[in-house]
């Protein structure tokens, strides 16, 4: 009887250790990190800003060319 009781107690300890070791094995990482989203938003703003500057530069060049043509016709 004491052997059966000792086996049952040992089995409970082994089950307890196994159950505790399995829980931390899964990594606790967030599904979507917050920093890359902010970086992407900043990059999108920078792209939009660069496009605005390029469009303004093209418009300025076109205006200068039109002024030169107008002066040449006079």
N, C-alpha and C. Protein backbone atom coordinates (compact mmCIF):
# COMPACT_ATOMS: atom_id res chain seq x y z
N UNK A 1 0.81 -1.19 0.00
CA UNK A 1 0.00 0.00 0.00
C UNK A 1 0.86 1.26 0.00
N UNK A 2 1.97 1.23 0.75
CA UNK A 2 2.82 2.41 0.83
C UNK A 2 3.53 2.67 -0.51
N UNK A 3 3.80 1.58 -1.28
CA UNK A 3 4.43 1.76 -2.58
C UNK A 3 3.47 2.45 -3.55
N UNK A 4 2.20 2.09 -3.49
CA UNK A 4 1.21 2.71 -4.36
C UNK A 4 1.03 4.19 -3.99
N UNK A 5 0.99 4.46 -2.71
CA UNK A 5 0.85 5.84 -2.25
C UNK A 5 2.07 6.67 -2.66
N UNK A 6 3.26 6.12 -2.53
CA UNK A 6 4.49 6.81 -2.92
C UNK A 6 4.49 7.07 -4.43
N UNK A 7 4.02 6.11 -5.22
CA UNK A 7 3.96 6.28 -6.67
C UNK A 7 2.96 7.37 -7.05
N UNK A 8 1.82 7.40 -6.39
CA UNK A 8 0.83 8.43 -6.67
C UNK A 8 1.35 9.84 -6.33
N UNK A 9 2.03 9.96 -5.20
CA UNK A 9 2.59 11.26 -4.80
C UNK A 9 3.67 11.68 -5.77
N UNK A 10 4.53 10.75 -6.17
CA UNK A 10 5.59 11.08 -7.14
C UNK A 10 4.97 11.49 -8.48
N UNK A 11 3.89 10.81 -8.87
CA UNK A 11 3.21 11.17 -10.11
C UNK A 11 2.61 12.57 -10.06
N UNK A 12 2.05 12.93 -8.89
CA UNK A 12 1.51 14.28 -8.73
C UNK A 12 2.60 15.34 -8.85
N UNK A 13 3.76 15.07 -8.22
CA UNK A 13 4.86 16.01 -8.32
C UNK A 13 5.34 16.14 -9.77
N UNK A 14 5.44 15.03 -10.45
CA UNK A 14 5.90 15.06 -11.84
C UNK A 14 4.90 15.81 -12.73
N UNK A 15 3.62 15.60 -12.51
CA UNK A 15 2.60 16.30 -13.29
C UNK A 15 2.64 17.80 -13.01
N UNK A 16 2.87 18.16 -11.76
CA UNK A 16 2.94 19.56 -11.39
C UNK A 16 4.14 20.24 -12.05
N UNK A 17 5.28 19.59 -12.04
CA UNK A 17 6.48 20.16 -12.67
C UNK A 17 6.28 20.29 -14.17
N UNK A 18 5.68 19.29 -14.79
CA UNK A 18 5.45 19.32 -16.23
C UNK A 18 4.49 20.46 -16.59
N UNK A 19 3.45 20.66 -15.82
CA UNK A 19 2.47 21.70 -16.09
C UNK A 19 3.08 23.09 -15.92
N UNK A 20 3.96 23.26 -14.97
CA UNK A 20 4.59 24.56 -14.76
C UNK A 20 5.62 24.85 -15.84
N UNK A 21 6.32 23.87 -16.32
CA UNK A 21 7.35 24.09 -17.33
C UNK A 21 6.74 24.40 -18.69
N UNK A 22 5.54 23.94 -18.98
CA UNK A 22 4.94 24.14 -20.29
C UNK A 22 4.40 25.56 -20.46
N UNK A 23 4.02 26.22 -19.38
CA UNK A 23 3.41 27.54 -19.49
C UNK A 23 4.37 28.61 -20.03
N UNK A 24 5.58 28.78 -19.51
CA UNK A 24 6.44 29.86 -20.00
C UNK A 24 7.09 29.57 -21.35
N UNK A 25 6.88 28.40 -21.92
CA UNK A 25 7.53 28.06 -23.18
C UNK A 25 7.03 28.94 -24.32
N UNK A 26 5.78 29.39 -24.28
CA UNK A 26 5.22 30.22 -25.35
C UNK A 26 5.73 31.66 -25.18
N UNK A 27 6.26 32.26 -26.25
CA UNK A 27 6.76 33.64 -26.13
C UNK A 27 5.59 34.62 -26.00
N UNK A 28 5.78 35.60 -25.17
CA UNK A 28 4.73 36.60 -24.95
C UNK A 28 5.06 37.87 -25.72
N UNK A 29 4.94 37.81 -27.05
CA UNK A 29 5.21 38.98 -27.88
C UNK A 29 3.90 39.55 -28.39
N UNK A 30 3.82 40.86 -28.53
CA UNK A 30 2.58 41.45 -29.05
C UNK A 30 2.39 41.12 -30.53
N UNK A 31 1.15 41.09 -30.95
CA UNK A 31 0.84 40.73 -32.34
C UNK A 31 1.37 41.79 -33.31
N UNK A 32 1.18 43.05 -32.99
CA UNK A 32 1.68 44.12 -33.86
C UNK A 32 2.46 45.11 -33.01
N UNK A 33 3.75 45.27 -33.27
CA UNK A 33 4.53 46.22 -32.50
C UNK A 33 4.12 47.66 -32.83
N UNK A 34 4.22 48.54 -31.87
CA UNK A 34 3.76 49.92 -32.04
C UNK A 34 4.77 50.79 -32.78
N UNK A 35 6.06 50.57 -32.62
CA UNK A 35 7.04 51.46 -33.21
C UNK A 35 7.10 51.40 -34.74
N UNK A 36 7.02 50.24 -35.39
CA UNK A 36 7.07 50.27 -36.85
C UNK A 36 5.90 51.04 -37.46
N UNK A 37 4.75 51.03 -36.84
CA UNK A 37 3.61 51.77 -37.37
C UNK A 37 3.90 53.27 -37.32
N UNK A 38 4.49 53.71 -36.23
CA UNK A 38 4.83 55.12 -36.11
C UNK A 38 5.91 55.50 -37.11
N UNK A 39 6.87 54.61 -37.32
CA UNK A 39 7.92 54.88 -38.29
C UNK A 39 7.35 54.94 -39.70
N UNK A 40 6.41 54.06 -40.01
CA UNK A 40 5.80 54.07 -41.33
C UNK A 40 5.01 55.35 -41.54
N UNK A 41 4.35 55.81 -40.49
CA UNK A 41 3.57 57.04 -40.59
C UNK A 41 4.51 58.22 -40.84
N UNK A 42 5.64 58.25 -40.16
CA UNK A 42 6.62 59.31 -40.34
C UNK A 42 7.19 59.26 -41.76
N UNK A 43 7.45 58.05 -42.23
CA UNK A 43 7.99 57.91 -43.59
C UNK A 43 6.97 58.38 -44.62
N UNK A 44 5.71 58.09 -44.40
CA UNK A 44 4.66 58.53 -45.32
C UNK A 44 4.58 60.05 -45.34
N UNK A 45 4.71 60.67 -44.17
CA UNK A 45 4.70 62.13 -44.11
C UNK A 45 5.89 62.71 -44.86
N UNK A 46 7.05 62.09 -44.69
CA UNK A 46 8.25 62.57 -45.36
C UNK A 46 8.10 62.44 -46.88
N UNK A 47 7.51 61.33 -47.34
CA UNK A 47 7.28 61.15 -48.77
C UNK A 47 6.34 62.21 -49.30
N UNK A 48 5.28 62.47 -48.57
CA UNK A 48 4.31 63.48 -49.00
C UNK A 48 4.96 64.86 -49.04
N UNK A 49 5.79 65.13 -48.07
CA UNK A 49 6.48 66.42 -48.03
C UNK A 49 7.43 66.55 -49.22
N UNK A 50 8.15 65.47 -49.54
CA UNK A 50 9.06 65.49 -50.67
C UNK A 50 8.32 65.67 -51.99
N UNK A 51 7.16 65.04 -52.12
CA UNK A 51 6.37 65.19 -53.33
C UNK A 51 5.88 66.62 -53.49
N UNK A 52 5.46 67.24 -52.39
CA UNK A 52 5.01 68.62 -52.45
C UNK A 52 6.14 69.54 -52.90
N UNK A 53 7.33 69.30 -52.36
CA UNK A 53 8.47 70.12 -52.74
C UNK A 53 8.80 69.94 -54.21
N UNK A 54 8.75 68.70 -54.70
CA UNK A 54 9.05 68.43 -56.10
C UNK A 54 8.02 69.11 -57.01
N UNK A 55 6.75 69.05 -56.63
CA UNK A 55 5.71 69.70 -57.43
C UNK A 55 5.89 71.21 -57.43
N UNK A 56 6.23 71.79 -56.30
CA UNK A 56 6.45 73.23 -56.22
C UNK A 56 7.63 73.65 -57.08
N UNK A 57 8.67 72.82 -57.07
CA UNK A 57 9.86 73.12 -57.86
C UNK A 57 9.53 73.07 -59.36
N UNK A 58 8.75 72.05 -59.76
CA UNK A 58 8.35 71.93 -61.16
C UNK A 58 7.50 73.13 -61.58
N UNK A 59 6.62 73.55 -60.71
CA UNK A 59 5.76 74.70 -61.00
C UNK A 59 6.60 75.96 -61.14
N UNK A 60 7.61 76.12 -60.29
CA UNK A 60 8.47 77.30 -60.36
C UNK A 60 9.27 77.30 -61.65
N UNK A 61 9.77 76.15 -62.05
CA UNK A 61 10.53 76.05 -63.28
C UNK A 61 9.63 76.35 -64.48
N UNK A 62 8.43 75.83 -64.47
CA UNK A 62 7.49 76.08 -65.56
C UNK A 62 7.14 77.56 -65.65
N UNK A 63 6.98 78.20 -64.51
CA UNK A 63 6.67 79.63 -64.49
C UNK A 63 7.83 80.44 -65.05
N UNK A 64 9.05 80.07 -64.67
CA UNK A 64 10.22 80.78 -65.19
C UNK A 64 10.35 80.62 -66.69
N UNK A 65 10.09 79.41 -67.19
CA UNK A 65 10.16 79.16 -68.63
C UNK A 65 9.10 79.98 -69.37
N UNK A 66 7.91 80.05 -68.80
CA UNK A 66 6.84 80.84 -69.42
C UNK A 66 7.20 82.31 -69.44
N UNK A 67 7.82 82.80 -68.37
CA UNK A 67 8.23 84.21 -68.32
C UNK A 67 9.31 84.49 -69.37
N UNK A 68 10.24 83.57 -69.53
CA UNK A 68 11.31 83.76 -70.54
C UNK A 68 10.72 83.78 -71.95
N UNK A 69 9.75 82.88 -72.22
CA UNK A 69 9.10 82.85 -73.53
C UNK A 69 8.35 84.17 -73.78
N UNK A 70 7.70 84.67 -72.74
CA UNK A 70 6.94 85.92 -72.87
C UNK A 70 7.88 87.08 -73.16
N UNK A 71 9.03 87.10 -72.50
CA UNK A 71 10.02 88.15 -72.73
C UNK A 71 10.62 88.04 -74.12
N UNK A 72 10.83 86.84 -74.59
CA UNK A 72 11.42 86.63 -75.90
C UNK A 72 10.47 87.09 -77.01
N UNK A 73 9.18 86.97 -76.80
CA UNK A 73 8.19 87.38 -77.80
C UNK A 73 8.09 88.90 -77.86
N UNK A 74 8.43 89.62 -76.82
CA UNK A 74 8.31 91.08 -76.79
C UNK A 74 9.34 91.69 -77.62
